[in-house]
Each structure stands twice: as C-alpha cells, then as structure tokens.
C-alpha atoms as a PDB file:
ATOM      1  CA  MET A   1      43.314 -30.894 -46.805  1.00  0.00           C
ATOM      2  CA  ARG A   2      40.012 -32.906 -46.743  1.00  0.00           C
ATOM      3  CA  LEU A   3      37.361 -31.396 -44.832  1.00  0.00           C
ATOM      4  CA  LEU A   4      36.440 -33.695 -42.027  1.00  0.00           C
ATOM      5  CA  LEU A   5      32.713 -33.435 -41.305  1.00  0.00           C
ATOM      6  CA  ILE A   6      31.829 -34.213 -37.454  1.00  0.00           C
ATOM      7  CA  THR A   7      28.105 -35.804 -37.588  1.00  0.00           C
ATOM      8  CA  ILE A   8      26.299 -35.045 -34.357  1.00  0.00           C
ATOM      9  CA  PHE A   9      23.319 -37.540 -33.911  1.00  0.00           C
ATOM     10  CA  VAL A  10      21.053 -35.345 -31.963  1.00  0.00           C
ATOM     11  CA  ILE A  11      17.560 -36.069 -31.259  1.00  0.00           C
ATOM     12  CA  SER A  12      15.458 -32.917 -31.480  1.00  0.00           C
ATOM     13  CA  PHE A  13      11.990 -31.589 -31.608  1.00  0.00           C
ATOM     14  CA  PHE A  14      11.129 -29.232 -34.202  1.00  0.00           C
ATOM     15  CA  GLY A  15       7.713 -27.610 -35.028  1.00  0.00           C
ATOM     16  CA  THR A  16       5.378 -28.429 -37.599  1.00  0.00           C
ATOM     17  CA  ALA A  17       6.889 -25.121 -39.187  1.00  0.00           C
ATOM     18  CA  PHE A  18      10.534 -24.613 -39.303  1.00  0.00           C
ATOM     19  CA  LEU A  19      10.182 -20.684 -39.062  1.00  0.00           C
ATOM     20  CA  PRO A  20      12.564 -18.357 -38.823  1.00  0.00           C
ATOM     21  CA  PHE A  21      14.870 -20.668 -41.239  1.00  0.00           C
ATOM     22  CA  THR A  22      14.954 -18.940 -44.686  1.00  0.00           C
ATOM     23  CA  PHE A  23      16.483 -21.345 -47.115  1.00  0.00           C
ATOM     24  CA  SER A  24      14.955 -24.764 -47.828  1.00  0.00           C
ATOM     25  CA  VAL A  25      14.953 -27.375 -50.745  1.00  0.00           C
ATOM     26  CA  THR A  26      12.103 -30.122 -51.070  1.00  0.00           C
ATOM     27  CA  GLY A  27      12.704 -33.174 -53.245  1.00  0.00           C
ATOM     28  CA  GLU A  28      11.448 -36.553 -53.506  1.00  0.00           C
ATOM     29  CA  GLY A  29      13.115 -37.783 -50.501  1.00  0.00           C
ATOM     30  CA  GLY A  30      12.055 -35.071 -48.144  1.00  0.00           C
ATOM     31  CA  THR A  31      13.031 -31.539 -47.359  1.00  0.00           C
ATOM     32  CA  VAL A  32      16.284 -30.040 -46.719  1.00  0.00           C
ATOM     33  CA  PHE A  33      17.229 -26.609 -44.582  1.00  0.00           C
ATOM     34  CA  ILE A  34      20.185 -24.279 -44.106  1.00  0.00           C
ATOM     35  CA  GLU A  35      20.050 -21.236 -41.912  1.00  0.00           C
ATOM     36  CA  LYS A  36      21.964 -19.103 -43.802  1.00  0.00           C
ATOM     37  CA  ALA A  37      23.542 -18.309 -47.190  1.00  0.00           C
ATOM     38  CA  VAL A  38      26.779 -16.668 -46.295  1.00  0.00           C
ATOM     39  CA  TYR A  39      28.922 -17.725 -43.282  1.00  0.00           C
ATOM     40  CA  GLU A  40      31.354 -14.919 -41.806  1.00  0.00           C
ATOM     41  CA  VAL A  41      34.330 -16.215 -40.012  1.00  0.00           C
ATOM     42  CA  ASN A  42      37.290 -14.661 -38.695  1.00  0.00           C
ATOM     43  CA  ARG A  43      41.235 -15.790 -38.577  1.00  0.00           C
ATOM     44  CA  THR A  44      40.399 -17.835 -35.364  1.00  0.00           C
ATOM     45  CA  GLU A  45      37.036 -18.698 -35.565  1.00  0.00           C
ATOM     46  CA  ASN A  46      35.434 -22.066 -36.345  1.00  0.00           C
ATOM     47  CA  VAL A  47      31.922 -22.029 -37.325  1.00  0.00           C
ATOM     48  CA  LEU A  48      29.320 -24.611 -37.369  1.00  0.00           C
ATOM     49  CA  VAL A  49      27.039 -24.830 -40.348  1.00  0.00           C
ATOM     50  CA  LYS A  50      23.771 -26.669 -39.583  1.00  0.00           C
ATOM     51  CA  ILE A  51      22.173 -28.927 -42.329  1.00  0.00           C
ATOM     52  CA  PHE A  52      18.752 -30.253 -41.346  1.00  0.00           C
ATOM     53  CA  GLY A  53      15.395 -31.250 -42.501  1.00  0.00           C
ATOM     54  CA  ILE A  54      12.765 -33.919 -42.323  1.00  0.00           C
ATOM     55  CA  VAL A  55      12.420 -37.189 -44.433  1.00  0.00           C
ATOM     56  CA  GLU A  56       9.366 -38.153 -46.476  1.00  0.00           C
ATOM     57  CA  ASN A  57       8.958 -41.432 -45.174  1.00  0.00           C
ATOM     58  CA  PRO A  58      10.022 -41.496 -41.113  1.00  0.00           C
ATOM     59  CA  LEU A  59       9.321 -45.280 -40.886  1.00  0.00           C
ATOM     60  CA  GLY A  60      11.996 -46.155 -43.777  1.00  0.00           C
ATOM     61  CA  GLY A  61      15.749 -46.482 -43.211  1.00  0.00           C
ATOM     62  CA  ASN A  62      17.868 -45.094 -40.669  1.00  0.00           C
ATOM     63  CA  TRP A  63      20.510 -43.514 -42.529  1.00  0.00           C
ATOM     64  CA  VAL A  64      20.132 -39.715 -44.241  1.00  0.00           C
ATOM     65  CA  PHE A  65      23.419 -39.642 -46.480  1.00  0.00           C
ATOM     66  CA  PHE A  66      25.144 -36.077 -47.479  1.00  0.00           C
ATOM     67  CA  THR A  67      27.388 -35.563 -50.206  1.00  0.00           C
ATOM     68  CA  ILE A  68      29.674 -32.435 -49.560  1.00  0.00           C
ATOM     69  CA  THR A  69      31.479 -30.760 -52.573  1.00  0.00           C
ATOM     70  CA  ASN A  70      33.929 -28.249 -50.940  1.00  0.00           C
ATOM     71  CA  PRO A  71      35.332 -24.999 -52.592  1.00  0.00           C
ATOM     72  CA  ASP A  72      38.577 -26.948 -53.903  1.00  0.00           C
ATOM     73  CA  GLY A  73      36.491 -29.523 -55.670  1.00  0.00           C
ATOM     74  CA  SER A  74      37.081 -32.309 -53.112  1.00  0.00           C
ATOM     75  CA  VAL A  75      34.172 -34.400 -52.164  1.00  0.00           C
ATOM     76  CA  SER A  76      33.290 -35.671 -48.687  1.00  0.00           C
ATOM     77  CA  GLU A  77      30.515 -38.447 -47.973  1.00  0.00           C
ATOM     78  CA  VAL A  78      28.873 -38.641 -44.396  1.00  0.00           C
ATOM     79  CA  LYS A  79      25.891 -39.933 -42.979  1.00  0.00           C
ATOM     80  CA  THR A  80      23.609 -39.440 -40.185  1.00  0.00           C
ATOM     81  CA  THR A  81      20.732 -41.160 -38.515  1.00  0.00           C
ATOM     82  CA  LYS A  82      17.168 -39.867 -38.550  1.00  0.00           C
ATOM     83  CA  THR A  83      14.672 -39.518 -35.644  1.00  0.00           C
ATOM     84  CA  SER A  84      11.503 -41.648 -35.356  1.00  0.00           C
ATOM     85  CA  GLU A  85       9.568 -38.479 -36.730  1.00  0.00           C
ATOM     86  CA  GLY A  86      11.542 -38.578 -39.558  1.00  0.00           C
ATOM     87  CA  HIS A  87      14.040 -35.394 -38.414  1.00  0.00           C
ATOM     88  CA  TYR A  88      17.942 -35.403 -39.163  1.00  0.00           C
ATOM     89  CA  GLU A  89      20.771 -32.872 -38.398  1.00  0.00           C
ATOM     90  CA  ASN A  90      24.146 -32.539 -39.529  1.00  0.00           C
ATOM     91  CA  PHE A  91      26.834 -30.015 -38.664  1.00  0.00           C
ATOM     92  CA  ILE A  92      29.756 -29.087 -40.680  1.00  0.00           C
ATOM     93  CA  ILE A  93      32.688 -27.147 -39.561  1.00  0.00           C
ATOM     94  CA  VAL A  94      34.095 -24.361 -41.239  1.00  0.00           C
ATOM     95  CA  ASN A  95      36.850 -21.763 -41.089  1.00  0.00           C
ATOM     96  CA  ASN A  96      39.163 -19.429 -42.678  1.00  0.00           C
ATOM     97  CA  ASP A  97      40.698 -21.891 -44.386  1.00  0.00           C
ATOM     98  CA  ARG A  98      37.548 -23.189 -45.822  1.00  0.00           C
ATOM     99  CA  LEU A  99      36.493 -20.042 -47.780  1.00  0.00           C
ATOM    100  CA  GLY A 100      34.618 -20.260 -50.828  1.00  0.00           C
ATOM    101  CA  LYS A 101      31.266 -21.940 -52.225  1.00  0.00           C
ATOM    102  CA  HIS A 102      29.994 -25.253 -50.562  1.00  0.00           C
ATOM    103  CA  SER A 103      27.414 -27.538 -51.845  1.00  0.00           C
ATOM    104  CA  VAL A 104      25.714 -30.291 -49.847  1.00  0.00           C
ATOM    105  CA  ASP A 105      23.364 -33.052 -51.639  1.00  0.00           C
ATOM    106  CA  VAL A 106      21.159 -35.137 -49.101  1.00  0.00           C
ATOM    107  CA  ARG A 107      19.983 -38.259 -49.919  1.00  0.00           C
ATOM    108  CA  PHE A 108      17.130 -40.792 -48.365  1.00  0.00           C
ATOM    109  CA  GLU A 109      16.685 -44.432 -49.467  1.00  0.00           C
ATOM    110  CA  LEU A 110      18.025 -43.338 -52.836  1.00  0.00           C
ATOM    111  CA  LYS A 111      15.547 -40.855 -53.241  1.00  0.00           C
ATOM    112  CA  ASN A 112      17.135 -37.015 -53.452  1.00  0.00           C
ATOM    113  CA  ILE A 113      15.830 -34.749 -51.015  1.00  0.00           C
ATOM    114  CA  GLY A 114      17.887 -31.598 -52.512  1.00  0.00           C
ATOM    115  CA  THR A 115      21.120 -29.677 -52.572  1.00  0.00           C
ATOM    116  CA  VAL A 116      21.642 -26.774 -50.847  1.00  0.00           C
ATOM    117  CA  THR A 117      24.652 -24.203 -51.084  1.00  0.00           C
ATOM    118  CA  PHE A 118      26.346 -21.781 -48.743  1.00  0.00           C
ATOM    119  CA  GLU A 119      29.510 -19.908 -49.095  1.00  0.00           C
ATOM    120  CA  VAL A 120      32.140 -19.002 -46.364  1.00  0.00           C
ATOM    121  CA  VAL A 121      33.876 -15.850 -46.020  1.00  0.00           C
ATOM    122  CA  ASP A 122      36.319 -13.741 -44.364  1.00  0.00           C
ATOM    123  CA  LYS A 123      34.573 -11.109 -42.099  1.00  0.00           C
ATOM    124  CA  TYR A 124      37.526  -9.146 -41.738  1.00  0.00           C
ATOM    125  CA  ALA A 125      38.188  -8.793 -45.520  1.00  0.00           C
ATOM    126  CA  LYS A 126      34.556  -7.396 -45.773  1.00  0.00           C
ATOM    127  CA  MET A 127      35.212  -5.191 -43.052  1.00  0.00           C
ATOM    128  CA  ASP A 128      38.349  -3.776 -44.489  1.00  0.00           C
ATOM    129  CA  GLU A 129      36.324  -3.226 -47.764  1.00  0.00           C
ATOM    130  CA  GLN A 130      33.691  -1.245 -46.341  1.00  0.00           C
ATOM    131  CA  GLU A 131      36.447   1.089 -44.556  1.00  0.00           C
ATOM    132  CA  SER A 132      37.932   1.696 -48.167  1.00  0.00           C
ATOM    133  CA  GLU A 133      34.764   2.413 -49.757  1.00  0.00           C
ATOM    134  CA  PRO A 134      32.853   4.858 -47.552  1.00  0.00           C
ATOM    135  CA  GLU A 135      29.020   4.384 -47.493  1.00  0.00           C
ATOM    136  CA  PRO A 136      26.593   7.281 -48.632  1.00  0.00           C
ATOM    137  CA  GLU A 137      26.256   9.913 -45.885  1.00  0.00           C
ATOM    138  CA  SER A 138      22.293   9.088 -45.643  1.00  0.00           C
ATOM    139  CA  LYS A 139      23.199   5.213 -44.965  1.00  0.00           C
ATOM    140  CA  LEU A 140      25.932   5.707 -42.260  1.00  0.00           C
ATOM    141  CA  GLU A 141      23.075   8.095 -40.564  1.00  0.00           C
ATOM    142  CA  SER A 142      20.919   5.285 -40.903  1.00  0.00           C
ATOM    143  CA  ASN A 143      23.467   2.638 -39.447  1.00  0.00           C
ATOM    144  CA  ASN A 144      23.794   4.707 -36.373  1.00  0.00           C
ATOM    145  CA  GLU A 145      20.549   3.987 -35.005  1.00  0.00           C
ATOM    146  CA  THR A 146      20.704   1.160 -32.415  1.00  0.00           C
ATOM    147  CA  LYS A 147      18.254  -1.244 -31.432  1.00  0.00           C
ATOM    148  CA  PRO A 148      17.572  -2.002 -27.759  1.00  0.00           C
ATOM    149  CA  PRO A 149      18.879  -4.791 -25.988  1.00  0.00           C
ATOM    150  CA  ALA A 150      16.659  -8.050 -26.497  1.00  0.00           C
ATOM    151  CA  ASP A 151      14.241  -8.874 -23.636  1.00  0.00           C
ATOM    152  CA  PHE A 152      16.238 -11.840 -22.760  1.00  0.00           C
ATOM    153  CA  VAL A 153      19.264  -9.862 -21.643  1.00  0.00           C
ATOM    154  CA  ASP A 154      19.804  -9.884 -17.857  1.00  0.00           C
ATOM    155  CA  PRO A 155      21.195  -6.414 -17.164  1.00  0.00           C
ATOM    156  CA  ASN A 156      23.331  -7.864 -14.264  1.00  0.00           C
ATOM    157  CA  LEU A 157      25.036 -10.093 -16.754  1.00  0.00           C
ATOM    158  CA  GLU A 158      28.277  -8.961 -18.699  1.00  0.00           C
ATOM    159  CA  PRO A 159      27.622  -9.018 -22.594  1.00  0.00           C
ATOM    160  CA  SER A 160      30.940 -11.334 -22.592  1.00  0.00           C
ATOM    161  CA  TYR A 161      28.635 -14.025 -20.625  1.00  0.00           C
ATOM    162  CA  TYR A 162      26.331 -14.027 -24.038  1.00  0.00           C
ATOM    163  CA  VAL A 163      28.778 -13.897 -26.288  1.00  0.00           C
ATOM    164  CA  ALA A 164      30.828 -17.062 -24.972  1.00  0.00           C
ATOM    165  CA  ARG A 165      27.373 -19.044 -24.904  1.00  0.00           C
ATOM    166  CA  TYR A 166      26.742 -17.750 -28.478  1.00  0.00           C
ATOM    167  CA  VAL A 167      30.261 -18.497 -30.095  1.00  0.00           C
ATOM    168  CA  LEU A 168      30.942 -22.041 -27.786  1.00  0.00           C
ATOM    169  CA  GLU A 169      27.237 -23.582 -27.269  1.00  0.00           C
ATOM    170  CA  PRO A 170      25.672 -24.882 -30.686  1.00  0.00           C
ATOM    171  CA  SER A 171      22.457 -25.325 -29.097  1.00  0.00           C
ATOM    172  CA  TYR A 172      22.614 -21.788 -27.414  1.00  0.00           C
ATOM    173  CA  LYS A 173      23.528 -20.136 -30.934  1.00  0.00           C
ATOM    174  CA  ASN A 174      20.547 -22.185 -32.566  1.00  0.00           C
ATOM    175  CA  TRP A 175      18.304 -21.123 -29.882  1.00  0.00           C
ATOM    176  CA  PHE A 176      19.089 -17.448 -30.532  1.00  0.00           C
ATOM    177  CA  ASP A 177      19.267 -17.614 -34.087  1.00  0.00           C
ATOM    178  CA  SER A 178      15.728 -19.059 -34.210  1.00  0.00           C
ATOM    179  CA  ASN A 179      14.069 -16.540 -31.660  1.00  0.00           C
ATOM    180  CA  TYR A 180      15.624 -13.385 -32.316  1.00  0.00           C
ATOM    181  CA  SER A 181      16.326 -13.285 -36.061  1.00  0.00           C
ATOM    182  CA  GLU A 182      15.885  -9.360 -35.943  1.00  0.00           C
ATOM    183  CA  TYR A 183      18.888  -9.409 -33.871  1.00  0.00           C
ATOM    184  CA  LEU A 184      22.467  -9.690 -34.679  1.00  0.00           C
ATOM    185  CA  ILE A 185      23.978 -11.286 -31.385  1.00  0.00           C
ATOM    186  CA  TRP A 186      26.225  -7.941 -30.332  1.00  0.00           C
ATOM    187  CA  GLU A 187      22.894  -5.929 -30.990  1.00  0.00           C
ATOM    188  CA  ALA A 188      21.109  -8.193 -28.838  1.00  0.00           C
ATOM    189  CA  VAL A 189      23.353  -7.584 -25.934  1.00  0.00           C
ATOM    190  CA  GLY A 190      24.036  -3.967 -26.566  1.00  0.00           C
ATOM    191  CA  ILE A 191      27.561  -3.811 -27.733  1.00  0.00           C
ATOM    192  CA  THR A 192      29.315  -2.786 -30.929  1.00  0.00           C
ATOM    193  CA  GLU A 193      30.499  -5.278 -33.586  1.00  0.00           C
ATOM    194  CA  SER A 194      34.042  -4.472 -32.878  1.00  0.00           C
ATOM    195  CA  GLU A 195      33.554  -5.432 -29.007  1.00  0.00           C
ATOM    196  CA  TYR A 196      32.125  -8.487 -30.069  1.00  0.00           C
ATOM    197  CA  MET A 197      34.797  -9.460 -32.246  1.00  0.00           C
ATOM    198  CA  ILE A 198      37.500  -8.570 -29.410  1.00  0.00           C
ATOM    199  CA  LEU A 199      35.159 -10.878 -26.966  1.00  0.00           C
ATOM    200  CA  VAL A 200      35.549 -13.688 -29.554  1.00  0.00           C
ATOM    201  CA  ASP A 201      39.324 -13.188 -30.000  1.00  0.00           C
ATOM    202  CA  GLU A 202      39.462 -13.812 -26.065  1.00  0.00           C
ATOM    203  CA  ILE A 203      37.415 -16.602 -25.777  1.00  0.00           C
ATOM    204  CA  TYR A 204      39.274 -18.331 -28.612  1.00  0.00           C
ATOM    205  CA  GLY A 205      42.824 -17.015 -27.476  1.00  0.00           C
ATOM    206  CA  GLY A 206      45.050 -17.815 -24.576  1.00  0.00           C
ATOM    207  CA  PRO A 207      46.346 -21.474 -23.365  1.00  0.00           C
ATOM    208  CA  GLN A 208      43.291 -22.937 -21.501  1.00  0.00           C
ATOM    209  CA  THR A 209      41.880 -25.845 -22.833  1.00  0.00           C
ATOM    210  CA  VAL A 210      38.951 -25.637 -25.311  1.00  0.00           C
ATOM    211  CA  ILE A 211      36.845 -28.290 -26.093  1.00  0.00           C
ATOM    212  CA  PRO A 212      33.271 -27.477 -27.870  1.00  0.00           C
ATOM    213  CA  ASN A 213      30.277 -29.138 -25.766  1.00  0.00           C
ATOM    214  CA  TRP A 214      29.018 -31.166 -28.736  1.00  0.00           C
ATOM    215  CA  ILE A 215      32.078 -33.348 -28.682  1.00  0.00           C
ATOM    216  CA  LYS A 216      30.649 -35.034 -25.479  1.00  0.00           C
ATOM    217  CA  ASN A 217      28.207 -36.640 -27.452  1.00  0.00           C
ATOM    218  CA  ASN A 218      30.879 -38.812 -29.207  1.00  0.00           C
ATOM    219  CA  ALA A 219      32.776 -39.379 -26.188  1.00  0.00           C
ATOM    220  CA  GLY A 220      29.622 -40.792 -24.402  1.00  0.00           C
ATOM    221  CA  TRP A 221      28.971 -42.931 -27.576  1.00  0.00           C
ATOM    222  CA  TRP A 222      32.580 -44.315 -27.559  1.00  0.00           C
ATOM    223  CA  ALA A 223      32.170 -45.245 -23.746  1.00  0.00           C
ATOM    224  CA  ASP A 224      29.155 -46.934 -24.534  1.00  0.00           C
ATOM    225  CA  GLY A 225      30.446 -49.132 -27.051  1.00  0.00           C
ATOM    226  CA  LEU A 226      28.149 -47.494 -29.829  1.00  0.00           C
ATOM    227  CA  ILE A 227      31.061 -46.304 -32.080  1.00  0.00           C
ATOM    228  CA  ASP A 228      34.670 -48.124 -32.164  1.00  0.00           C
ATOM    229  CA  ASP A 229      38.030 -46.871 -31.411  1.00  0.00           C
ATOM    230  CA  SER A 230      39.163 -46.128 -34.551  1.00  0.00           C
ATOM    231  CA  THR A 231      36.029 -43.945 -35.620  1.00  0.00           C
ATOM    232  CA  PHE A 232      36.535 -41.894 -32.095  1.00  0.00           C
ATOM    233  CA  LEU A 233      40.284 -41.578 -32.539  1.00  0.00           C
ATOM    234  CA  LYS A 234      40.267 -40.376 -35.988  1.00  0.00           C
ATOM    235  CA  GLY A 235      37.782 -37.722 -35.069  1.00  0.00           C
ATOM    236  CA  ILE A 236      39.651 -36.555 -31.912  1.00  0.00           C
ATOM    237  CA  GLU A 237      43.003 -36.602 -33.894  1.00  0.00           C
ATOM    238  CA  TYR A 238      41.368 -34.417 -36.446  1.00  0.00           C
ATOM    239  CA  LEU A 239      40.046 -32.104 -33.767  1.00  0.00           C
ATOM    240  CA  VAL A 240      43.625 -31.810 -32.185  1.00  0.00           C
ATOM    241  CA  ASN A 241      45.456 -31.004 -35.260  1.00  0.00           C
ATOM    242  CA  GLU A 242      43.060 -28.548 -36.359  1.00  0.00           C
ATOM    243  CA  LYS A 243      43.189 -27.079 -33.116  1.00  0.00           C
ATOM    244  CA  ILE A 244      39.246 -27.528 -32.562  1.00  0.00           C
ATOM    245  CA  ILE A 245      40.180 -29.119 -29.261  1.00  0.00           C
ATOM    246  CA  ILE A 246      43.359 -27.221 -27.774  1.00  0.00           C
ATOM    247  CA  ILE A 247      45.578 -29.145 -25.407  1.00  0.00           C
ATOM    248  CA  PRO A 248      48.706 -28.066 -23.553  1.00  0.00           C
ATOM    249  CA  PRO A 249      52.144 -28.963 -25.425  1.00  0.00           C
ATOM    250  CA  THR A 250      53.168 -32.699 -24.738  1.00  0.00           C
ATOM    251  CA  GLU A 251      56.439 -34.506 -25.084  1.00  0.00           C
ATOM    252  CA  GLU A 252      57.268 -36.030 -28.671  1.00  0.00           C
ATOM    253  CA  PRO A 253      55.677 -39.469 -28.569  1.00  0.00           C
ATOM    254  CA  ASP A 254      57.447 -42.345 -26.836  1.00  0.00           C
ATOM    255  CA  GLU A 255      59.284 -44.203 -29.428  1.00  0.00           C
ATOM    256  CA  TYR A 256      59.756 -47.186 -27.249  1.00  0.00           C
ATOM    257  CA  VAL A 257      56.099 -47.494 -26.683  1.00  0.00           C
ATOM    258  CA  THR A 258      54.749 -50.721 -28.702  1.00  0.00           C
ATOM    259  CA  ASP A 259      51.480 -51.024 -26.944  1.00  0.00           C
ATOM    260  CA  GLN A 260      48.870 -48.946 -28.721  1.00  0.00           C
ATOM    261  CA  THR A 261      45.951 -50.513 -27.015  1.00  0.00           C
ATOM    262  CA  ILE A 262      43.910 -47.647 -25.222  1.00  0.00           C
ATOM    263  CA  PRO A 263      43.771 -48.299 -21.612  1.00  0.00           C
ATOM    264  CA  ALA A 264      40.572 -48.431 -19.731  1.00  0.00           C
ATOM    265  CA  TRP A 265      40.841 -45.551 -17.887  1.00  0.00           C
ATOM    266  CA  VAL A 266      41.118 -43.509 -20.886  1.00  0.00           C
ATOM    267  CA  LYS A 267      37.528 -44.723 -22.081  1.00  0.00           C
ATOM    268  CA  ASN A 268      35.926 -44.402 -18.847  1.00  0.00           C
ATOM    269  CA  ASN A 269      37.296 -40.761 -18.378  1.00  0.00           C
ATOM    270  CA  ALA A 270      35.427 -40.130 -21.703  1.00  0.00           C
ATOM    271  CA  GLY A 271      32.157 -41.562 -20.291  1.00  0.00           C
ATOM    272  CA  TRP A 272      32.517 -39.752 -17.018  1.00  0.00           C
ATOM    273  CA  TRP A 273      33.118 -36.345 -18.800  1.00  0.00           C
ATOM    274  CA  ALA A 274      30.301 -36.957 -21.078  1.00  0.00           C
ATOM    275  CA  ASP A 275      28.259 -37.339 -17.935  1.00  0.00           C
ATOM    276  CA  GLY A 276      29.673 -34.064 -16.349  1.00  0.00           C
ATOM    277  CA  ILE A 277      31.309 -36.138 -13.645  1.00  0.00           C
ATOM    278  CA  ILE A 278      34.747 -34.905 -14.306  1.00  0.00           C
ATOM    279  CA  ASP A 279      36.002 -31.606 -16.196  1.00  0.00           C
ATOM    280  CA  ASP A 280      37.459 -30.882 -19.368  1.00  0.00           C
ATOM    281  CA  ASN A 281      41.029 -31.033 -17.870  1.00  0.00           C
ATOM    282  CA  THR A 282      40.941 -34.457 -16.745  1.00  0.00           C
ATOM    283  CA  PHE A 283      39.423 -35.366 -20.090  1.00  0.00           C
ATOM    284  CA  VAL A 284      42.327 -33.996 -21.567  1.00  0.00           C
ATOM    285  CA  SER A 285      44.699 -35.718 -19.564  1.00  0.00           C
ATOM    286  CA  GLY A 286      43.725 -38.818 -21.393  1.00  0.00           C
ATOM    287  CA  ILE A 287      44.073 -37.202 -24.936  1.00  0.00           C
ATOM    288  CA  GLU A 288      47.501 -36.477 -23.816  1.00  0.00           C
ATOM    289  CA  TYR A 289      48.410 -39.897 -23.285  1.00  0.00           C
ATOM    290  CA  LEU A 290      47.250 -40.956 -26.326  1.00  0.00           C
ATOM    291  CA  VAL A 291      49.569 -38.321 -27.770  1.00  0.00           C
ATOM    292  CA  LYS A 292      52.520 -39.345 -26.110  1.00  0.00           C
ATOM    293  CA  SER A 293      51.857 -42.884 -26.732  1.00  0.00           C
ATOM    294  CA  GLY A 294      51.545 -42.440 -30.405  1.00  0.00           C
ATOM    295  CA  ILE A 295      48.041 -43.554 -30.668  1.00  0.00           C
ATOM    296  CA  ILE A 296      46.923 -40.096 -31.694  1.00  0.00           C
ATOM    297  CA  VAL A 297      49.279 -38.519 -34.257  1.00  0.00           C
ATOM    298  CA  VAL A 298      49.784 -34.814 -34.047  1.00  0.00           C
ATOM    299  CA  SER A 299      50.839 -32.756 -37.158  1.00  0.00           C
END
C-alpha cells in the first residue's frame, strides 16, 4: 500500500544551532535534518518522523519538495512551504506495516538539499531478541543503574500524564527530545520501559475517539478555503482507513444517497474544532456522516 504522507505546515522558530539533533546533510539548496536514524514502533503505534531544515535562499520560491523511497521500493512525492526565514518541516507517518529502510530526498528551487535515511524496526522483536540472548553480567549490572526523574516532572502528577502527552502531541514530543536528549521518556518520568509500553497500549487501545492534535491544522485550512474539498477528504479517508483516526462503527453507506455535496455544517464543524470551540466527538459526527453518505469510503 502506498504510504501517504501528511504534510503539516507549521510556522516555527528554530535557534541558529539545531542542537541536539544529530543527523544532518547540507547541499547546494540548504540543509536537511532528521532526529533519529532508527525509529522503534510497537504493533499498535503510529510514529511521526520529522524531516526539517533550512533553505539556502529564504527569499526564493515557496515550495520545498520531498521524494520518499519506501522499503518496498515504492516512491512518493510531497511538498511543503517554507517560512519567511527559510525553515521548513515535513512529517511522515510510520508504523509496524512500514518496517525497513526509508530514504528522503529534499530539493528546493531545482537544487538538491540532500538525502536522509532512517529505519523503522519492530520494538517487540528487539525485546524478544534481547530476552533470548542474555547480556553479560557486567553489562546487566550497569543497566540496573537508574537515573533520577527529569527536573520538569511534577511528583503530584501520574507518569501516564506525561506519557500521553509524549505519544499524542508531536510538539510536546519534539520539546522533550530536544531538551532532554539524555533521557528516554520512561526514564524521565521514573518508570520502566515495560510500564511505559503498557501505558502506550492503554492510550491507543479502547473504543474512544482518537484524533491526533496536528490534524486540526488541516481542518482549519479546509474551513478557511486554503485547501480544497478533495485534498481534505483524501487525507481524512486515509487516516480513517489506517485507523490513525478511530471513529465508532457506522452503518453501511446508503446506496440511495446520490447527492455527495459536503454540507456546510460539516465544514463549519471542522473550523470550530480547529479553533477549540467543539470537542473531538462533535467533529467525528461530521466524519461519520461523510462515511454514511459514501463521500468518504472506508475499506
């Protein structure tokens, strides 16, 4: 299945140095960064891979182009805008179905910025391998050393609060990874990796409506007319089919529905949801209507 890339247009302000990010490539058109070389996923987890950087000529064109080669050899093309300072960001959704090596070639104004690569691996497979091959005693003893909780942790808050923010809010994850690179999130909040995995499974499990916060950007742009109906619907359709947006079961599409015009109230809901006026469940009611009407096709 072709990997859909959800491009998020985010106006952000980076410092003059991109510390503590480790992996970067500089070419004729600018510089591209990636936070990690390896991303671990579990069987229910969707992970955002952030590709970002700065172009050589901030006063040039608006678009930065990405060519993504997936592990199965398929190729996807996307683009995103840069800020007036020349910064750009793009996010790629990966999960347990996207295991293997990915490469991303970045270009600006027909100039090559560079190619970054990353690998998606199964976290459980790695844990199973470690269990089957015990480490030497001296190394095991060193692993028993625990770090003190990070200085931002409030002892009056449960670890689940921080874990939920880390896995559901990309901006919070980026903040933590940028400022506390010496920690893994479970170390920072004082729990074990196994306890962290249980909390993650609880967060992604259950029948509740789950919508990543960054999707609100697209909803707001659609409501404001910055992207067209087709672009918004294709994105939502993919997110529903891939269970990145989880909605309650709906009835089969009504075969007698012939008018597939999107009602104005659905677009109004999207704008209000993006502005925080209505909650997730109210927004999902509009998505359910589009599914029932056959405007969004759920496979």
